[in-house]
PDB file of N, CA and C in Angstrom:
ATOM      1  N   MET A   1      15.043 -47.339  35.390  1.00  0.00           N
ATOM      2  CA  MET A   1      14.233 -46.254  34.883  1.00  0.00           C
ATOM      3  C   MET A   1      13.911 -46.548  33.405  1.00  0.00           C
ATOM      4  N   PRO A   2      12.598 -46.467  33.028  1.00  0.00           N
ATOM      5  CA  PRO A   2      12.239 -46.822  31.648  1.00  0.00           C
ATOM      6  C   PRO A   2      12.655 -45.725  30.666  1.00  0.00           C
ATOM      7  N   GLN A   3      12.914 -46.145  29.458  1.00  0.00           N
ATOM      8  CA  GLN A   3      13.272 -45.202  28.403  1.00  0.00           C
ATOM      9  C   GLN A   3      12.004 -44.568  27.837  1.00  0.00           C
ATOM     10  N   LEU A   4      12.137 -43.303  27.436  1.00  0.00           N
ATOM     11  CA  LEU A   4      11.009 -42.599  26.830  1.00  0.00           C
ATOM     12  C   LEU A   4      10.891 -43.046  25.372  1.00  0.00           C
ATOM     13  N   ASP A   5       9.708 -43.487  25.018  1.00  0.00           N
ATOM     14  CA  ASP A   5       9.492 -43.966  23.647  1.00  0.00           C
ATOM     15  C   ASP A   5       9.268 -42.765  22.724  1.00  0.00           C
ATOM     16  N   THR A   6      10.209 -42.481  21.852  1.00  0.00           N
ATOM     17  CA  THR A   6      10.113 -41.327  20.951  1.00  0.00           C
ATOM     18  C   THR A   6       9.794 -41.742  19.524  1.00  0.00           C
ATOM     19  N   SER A   7       9.384 -42.944  19.325  1.00  0.00           N
ATOM     20  CA  SER A   7       9.161 -43.428  17.967  1.00  0.00           C
ATOM     21  C   SER A   7       7.959 -42.749  17.301  1.00  0.00           C
ATOM     22  N   THR A   8       7.007 -42.267  18.059  1.00  0.00           N
ATOM     23  CA  THR A   8       5.808 -41.654  17.453  1.00  0.00           C
ATOM     24  C   THR A   8       5.906 -40.133  17.374  1.00  0.00           C
ATOM     25  N   TRP A   9       6.986 -39.562  17.877  1.00  0.00           N
ATOM     26  CA  TRP A   9       7.096 -38.102  17.876  1.00  0.00           C
ATOM     27  C   TRP A   9       7.126 -37.528  16.470  1.00  0.00           C
ATOM     28  N   PHE A  10       7.860 -38.164  15.590  1.00  0.00           N
ATOM     29  CA  PHE A  10       8.001 -37.630  14.239  1.00  0.00           C
ATOM     30  C   PHE A  10       6.650 -37.532  13.543  1.00  0.00           C
ATOM     31  N   ILE A  11       5.884 -38.572  13.565  1.00  0.00           N
ATOM     32  CA  ILE A  11       4.587 -38.556  12.885  1.00  0.00           C
ATOM     33  C   ILE A  11       3.624 -37.594  13.568  1.00  0.00           C
ATOM     34  N   THR A  12       3.737 -37.446  14.873  1.00  0.00           N
ATOM     35  CA  THR A  12       2.878 -36.505  15.602  1.00  0.00           C
ATOM     36  C   THR A  12       3.208 -35.066  15.210  1.00  0.00           C
ATOM     37  N   ILE A  13       4.478 -34.736  15.160  1.00  0.00           N
ATOM     38  CA  ILE A  13       4.890 -33.369  14.811  1.00  0.00           C
ATOM     39  C   ILE A  13       4.556 -33.062  13.356  1.00  0.00           C
ATOM     40  N   VAL A  14       4.818 -33.980  12.468  1.00  0.00           N
ATOM     41  CA  VAL A  14       4.550 -33.754  11.046  1.00  0.00           C
ATOM     42  C   VAL A  14       3.052 -33.613  10.793  1.00  0.00           C
ATOM     43  N   SER A  15       2.267 -34.450  11.410  1.00  0.00           N
ATOM     44  CA  SER A  15       0.818 -34.348  11.204  1.00  0.00           C
ATOM     45  C   SER A  15       0.265 -33.058  11.815  1.00  0.00           C
ATOM     46  N   SER A  16       0.837 -32.611  12.917  1.00  0.00           N
ATOM     47  CA  SER A  16       0.409 -31.334  13.509  1.00  0.00           C
ATOM     48  C   SER A  16       0.753 -30.170  12.590  1.00  0.00           C
ATOM     49  N   LEU A  17       1.933 -30.200  12.012  1.00  0.00           N
ATOM     50  CA  LEU A  17       2.321 -29.125  11.095  1.00  0.00           C
ATOM     51  C   LEU A  17       1.450 -29.108   9.842  1.00  0.00           C
ATOM     52  N   ILE A  18       1.149 -30.262   9.317  1.00  0.00           N
ATOM     53  CA  ILE A  18       0.278 -30.322   8.131  1.00  0.00           C
ATOM     54  C   ILE A  18      -1.115 -29.808   8.470  1.00  0.00           C
ATOM     55  N   THR A  19      -1.621 -30.196   9.630  1.00  0.00           N
ATOM     56  CA  THR A  19      -2.945 -29.730  10.050  1.00  0.00           C
ATOM     57  C   THR A  19      -2.962 -28.215  10.219  1.00  0.00           C
ATOM     58  N   LEU A  20      -1.925 -27.669  10.845  1.00  0.00           N
ATOM     59  CA  LEU A  20      -1.856 -26.214  11.007  1.00  0.00           C
ATOM     60  C   LEU A  20      -1.774 -25.512   9.649  1.00  0.00           C
ATOM     61  N   PHE A  21      -0.990 -26.069   8.753  1.00  0.00           N
ATOM     62  CA  PHE A  21      -0.871 -25.473   7.427  1.00  0.00           C
ATOM     63  C   PHE A  21      -2.222 -25.453   6.716  1.00  0.00           C
ATOM     64  N   VAL A  22      -2.932 -26.555   6.759  1.00  0.00           N
ATOM     65  CA  VAL A  22      -4.237 -26.638   6.092  1.00  0.00           C
ATOM     66  C   VAL A  22      -5.223 -25.669   6.736  1.00  0.00           C
ATOM     67  N   LEU A  23      -5.225 -25.602   8.048  1.00  0.00           N
ATOM     68  CA  LEU A  23      -6.154 -24.687   8.727  1.00  0.00           C
ATOM     69  C   LEU A  23      -5.869 -23.227   8.373  1.00  0.00           C
ATOM     70  N   PHE A  24      -4.595 -22.864   8.339  1.00  0.00           N
ATOM     71  CA  PHE A  24      -4.259 -21.487   7.979  1.00  0.00           C
ATOM     72  C   PHE A  24      -4.596 -21.192   6.520  1.00  0.00           C
ATOM     73  N   GLN A  25      -4.399 -22.151   5.654  1.00  0.00           N
ATOM     74  CA  GLN A  25      -4.760 -21.942   4.252  1.00  0.00           C
ATOM     75  C   GLN A  25      -6.262 -21.732   4.099  1.00  0.00           C
ATOM     76  N   LEU A  26      -7.040 -22.517   4.823  1.00  0.00           N
ATOM     77  CA  LEU A  26      -8.495 -22.353   4.765  1.00  0.00           C
ATOM     78  C   LEU A  26      -8.921 -21.014   5.340  1.00  0.00           C
ATOM     79  N   LYS A  27      -8.277 -20.598   6.402  1.00  0.00           N
ATOM     80  CA  LYS A  27      -8.623 -19.317   7.020  1.00  0.00           C
ATOM     81  C   LYS A  27      -8.285 -18.152   6.088  1.00  0.00           C
ATOM     82  N   ILE A  28      -7.126 -18.231   5.459  1.00  0.00           N
ATOM     83  CA  ILE A  28      -6.711 -17.143   4.569  1.00  0.00           C
ATOM     84  C   ILE A  28      -7.568 -17.120   3.305  1.00  0.00           C
ATOM     85  N   SER A  29      -7.901 -18.285   2.772  1.00  0.00           N
ATOM     86  CA  SER A  29      -8.665 -18.311   1.529  1.00  0.00           C
ATOM     87  C   SER A  29     -10.113 -17.868   1.720  1.00  0.00           C
ATOM     88  N   SER A  30     -10.597 -17.893   2.952  1.00  0.00           N
ATOM     89  CA  SER A  30     -11.979 -17.471   3.178  1.00  0.00           C
ATOM     90  C   SER A  30     -12.109 -15.960   3.329  1.00  0.00           C
ATOM     91  N   GLN A  31     -10.981 -15.272   3.461  1.00  0.00           N
ATOM     92  CA  GLN A  31     -11.040 -13.814   3.612  1.00  0.00           C
ATOM     93  C   GLN A  31     -11.202 -13.159   2.259  1.00  0.00           C
ATOM     94  N   THR A  32     -11.838 -12.005   2.290  1.00  0.00           N
ATOM     95  CA  THR A  32     -11.975 -11.232   1.055  1.00  0.00           C
ATOM     96  C   THR A  32     -11.028 -10.047   1.125  1.00  0.00           C
ATOM     97  N   PHE A  33     -10.316  -9.842   0.048  1.00  0.00           N
ATOM     98  CA  PHE A  33      -9.359  -8.752  -0.020  1.00  0.00           C
ATOM     99  C   PHE A  33      -9.895  -7.682  -0.959  1.00  0.00           C
ATOM    100  N   PRO A  34      -9.521  -6.422  -0.739  1.00  0.00           N
ATOM    101  CA  PRO A  34      -9.989  -5.372  -1.652  1.00  0.00           C
ATOM    102  C   PRO A  34      -9.363  -5.546  -3.027  1.00  0.00           C
ATOM    103  N   PRO A  35     -10.048  -5.092  -4.051  1.00  0.00           N
ATOM    104  CA  PRO A  35      -9.494  -5.246  -5.408  1.00  0.00           C
ATOM    105  C   PRO A  35      -8.258  -4.368  -5.567  1.00  0.00           C
ATOM    106  N   PRO A  36      -7.389  -4.717  -6.466  1.00  0.00           N
ATOM    107  CA  PRO A  36      -6.191  -3.893  -6.672  1.00  0.00           C
ATOM    108  C   PRO A  36      -6.588  -2.532  -7.229  1.00  0.00           C
ATOM    109  N   PRO A  37      -5.821  -1.519  -6.940  1.00  0.00           N
ATOM    110  CA  PRO A  37      -6.188  -0.178  -7.419  1.00  0.00           C
ATOM    111  C   PRO A  37      -6.118  -0.083  -8.929  1.00  0.00           C
ATOM    112  N   SER A  38      -7.058   0.624  -9.481  1.00  0.00           N
ATOM    113  CA  SER A  38      -7.070   0.788 -10.932  1.00  0.00           C
ATOM    114  C   SER A  38      -6.179   1.974 -11.304  1.00  0.00           C
ATOM    115  N   PRO A  39      -5.544   1.921 -12.450  1.00  0.00           N
ATOM    116  CA  PRO A  39      -4.647   3.032 -12.828  1.00  0.00           C
ATOM    117  C   PRO A  39      -5.438   4.294 -13.103  1.00  0.00           C
ATOM    118  N   LYS A  40      -4.913   5.390 -12.616  1.00  0.00           N
ATOM    119  CA  LYS A  40      -5.554   6.687 -12.815  1.00  0.00           C
ATOM    120  C   LYS A  40      -4.995   7.337 -14.071  1.00  0.00           C
ATOM    121  N   SER A  41      -5.806   8.142 -14.700  1.00  0.00           N
ATOM    122  CA  SER A  41      -5.302   8.862 -15.860  1.00  0.00           C
ATOM    123  C   SER A  41      -4.356   9.964 -15.383  1.00  0.00           C
ATOM    124  N   LEU A  42      -3.269  10.107 -16.085  1.00  0.00           N
ATOM    125  CA  LEU A  42      -2.250  11.044 -15.646  1.00  0.00           C
ATOM    126  C   LEU A  42      -2.443  12.447 -16.206  1.00  0.00           C
ATOM    127  N   THR A  43      -3.441  12.639 -17.050  1.00  0.00           N
ATOM    128  CA  THR A  43      -3.673  13.970 -17.598  1.00  0.00           C
ATOM    129  C   THR A  43      -4.400  14.816 -16.562  1.00  0.00           C
ATOM    130  N   THR A  44      -3.812  15.948 -16.263  1.00  0.00           N
ATOM    131  CA  THR A  44      -4.426  16.847 -15.287  1.00  0.00           C
ATOM    132  C   THR A  44      -5.152  17.961 -16.031  1.00  0.00           C
ATOM    133  N   LEU A  45      -6.250  18.354 -15.496  1.00  0.00           N
ATOM    134  CA  LEU A  45      -7.013  19.431 -16.103  1.00  0.00           C
ATOM    135  C   LEU A  45      -6.450  20.761 -15.623  1.00  0.00           C
ATOM    136  N   LYS A  46      -6.133  21.631 -16.561  1.00  0.00           N
ATOM    137  CA  LYS A  46      -5.580  22.937 -16.210  1.00  0.00           C
ATOM    138  C   LYS A  46      -6.732  23.900 -15.985  1.00  0.00           C
ATOM    139  N   VAL A  47      -6.774  24.446 -14.777  1.00  0.00           N
ATOM    140  CA  VAL A  47      -7.814  25.404 -14.443  1.00  0.00           C
ATOM    141  C   VAL A  47      -7.223  26.796 -14.549  1.00  0.00           C
ATOM    142  N   LYS A  48      -7.880  27.627 -15.317  1.00  0.00           N
ATOM    143  CA  LYS A  48      -7.372  28.993 -15.482  1.00  0.00           C
ATOM    144  C   LYS A  48      -7.853  29.860 -14.333  1.00  0.00           C
ATOM    145  N   THR A  49      -6.904  30.516 -13.725  1.00  0.00           N
ATOM    146  CA  THR A  49      -7.234  31.448 -12.646  1.00  0.00           C
ATOM    147  C   THR A  49      -7.364  32.846 -13.242  1.00  0.00           C
ATOM    148  N   PRO A  50      -8.076  33.718 -12.570  1.00  0.00           N
ATOM    149  CA  PRO A  50      -8.309  35.059 -13.151  1.00  0.00           C
ATOM    150  C   PRO A  50      -7.022  35.834 -13.427  1.00  0.00           C
ATOM    151  N   TRP A  51      -6.019  35.676 -12.574  1.00  0.00           N
ATOM    152  CA  TRP A  51      -4.806  36.460 -12.783  1.00  0.00           C
ATOM    153  C   TRP A  51      -3.933  35.904 -13.897  1.00  0.00           C
ATOM    154  N   GLU A  52      -4.211  34.705 -14.375  1.00  0.00           N
ATOM    155  CA  GLU A  52      -3.424  34.160 -15.477  1.00  0.00           C
ATOM    156  C   GLU A  52      -3.853  34.761 -16.813  1.00  0.00           C
ATOM    157  N   SER A  53      -5.085  35.171 -16.912  1.00  0.00           N
ATOM    158  CA  SER A  53      -5.548  35.711 -18.188  1.00  0.00           C
ATOM    159  C   SER A  53      -5.228  37.197 -18.333  1.00  0.00           C
ATOM    160  N   LYS A  54      -4.840  37.869 -17.281  1.00  0.00           N
ATOM    161  CA  LYS A  54      -4.526  39.302 -17.342  1.00  0.00           C
ATOM    162  C   LYS A  54      -3.018  39.490 -17.390  1.00  0.00           C
ATOM    163  N   TRP A  55      -2.627  40.536 -18.072  1.00  0.00           N
ATOM    164  CA  TRP A  55      -1.212  40.863 -18.113  1.00  0.00           C
ATOM    165  C   TRP A  55      -0.912  41.746 -16.917  1.00  0.00           C
ATOM    166  N   THR A  56       0.052  41.351 -16.145  1.00  0.00           N
ATOM    167  CA  THR A  56       0.428  42.160 -14.978  1.00  0.00           C
ATOM    168  C   THR A  56       1.914  42.422 -15.040  1.00  0.00           C
ATOM    169  N   LYS A  57       2.283  43.577 -14.531  1.00  0.00           N
ATOM    170  CA  LYS A  57       3.692  43.938 -14.472  1.00  0.00           C
ATOM    171  C   LYS A  57       4.063  44.104 -13.015  1.00  0.00           C
ATOM    172  N   ILE A  58       5.164  43.482 -12.653  1.00  0.00           N
ATOM    173  CA  ILE A  58       5.629  43.605 -11.280  1.00  0.00           C
ATOM    174  C   ILE A  58       6.639  44.737 -11.251  1.00  0.00           C
ATOM    175  N   TYR A  59       6.396  45.710 -10.407  1.00  0.00           N
ATOM    176  CA  TYR A  59       7.288  46.846 -10.299  1.00  0.00           C
ATOM    177  C   TYR A  59       8.261  46.607  -9.154  1.00  0.00           C
ATOM    178  N   LEU A  60       9.514  46.558  -9.493  1.00  0.00           N
ATOM    179  CA  LEU A  60      10.530  46.448  -8.464  1.00  0.00           C
ATOM    180  C   LEU A  60      10.797  47.822  -7.883  1.00  0.00           C
ATOM    181  N   PRO A  61      11.252  47.882  -6.652  1.00  0.00           N
ATOM    182  CA  PRO A  61      11.507  49.207  -6.045  1.00  0.00           C
ATOM    183  C   PRO A  61      12.525  50.043  -6.838  1.00  0.00           C
ATOM    184  N   HIS A  62      13.491  49.404  -7.483  1.00  0.00           N
ATOM    185  CA  HIS A  62      14.513  50.148  -8.206  1.00  0.00           C
ATOM    186  C   HIS A  62      13.990  50.645  -9.555  1.00  0.00           C
ATOM    187  N   SER A  63      12.939  50.071 -10.049  1.00  0.00           N
ATOM    188  CA  SER A  63      12.458  50.500 -11.337  1.00  0.00           C
ATOM    189  C   SER A  63      11.358  51.558 -11.245  1.00  0.00           C
ATOM    190  N   LEU A  64      10.994  51.929 -10.034  1.00  0.00           N
ATOM    191  CA  LEU A  64       9.986  52.977  -9.872  1.00  0.00           C
ATOM    192  C   LEU A  64      10.602  54.328 -10.212  1.00  0.00           C
ATOM    193  N   PRO A  65       9.789  55.243 -10.718  1.00  0.00           N
ATOM    194  CA  PRO A  65      10.338  56.574 -11.029  1.00  0.00           C
ATOM    195  C   PRO A  65      10.712  57.315  -9.738  1.00  0.00           C
ATOM    196  N   LEU A  66      11.701  58.162  -9.873  1.00  0.00           N
ATOM    197  CA  LEU A  66      12.122  58.934  -8.691  1.00  0.00           C
ATOM    198  C   LEU A  66      11.091  59.997  -8.372  1.00  0.00           C
ATOM    199  N   GLN A  67      10.914  60.215  -7.087  1.00  0.00           N
ATOM    200  CA  GLN A  67       9.906  61.214  -6.696  1.00  0.00           C
ATOM    201  C   GLN A  67      10.558  62.400  -6.031  1.00  0.00           C
TER     202      GLN A  67
END
């Protein structure tokens, strides 16, 4: 029974891996990615609501006058 010649396996596997690496690099480099997000300003605008400008008193049940 003849022996299997494995002398070319190493170069075949290495060249296949290099080819796959190059192909994947070309595929990835051809894609366009979205730009990184720009920083937002952290200052928030305070909107005044109508009830904030008026003085209101909260009456608790115990503080109401007796009837």
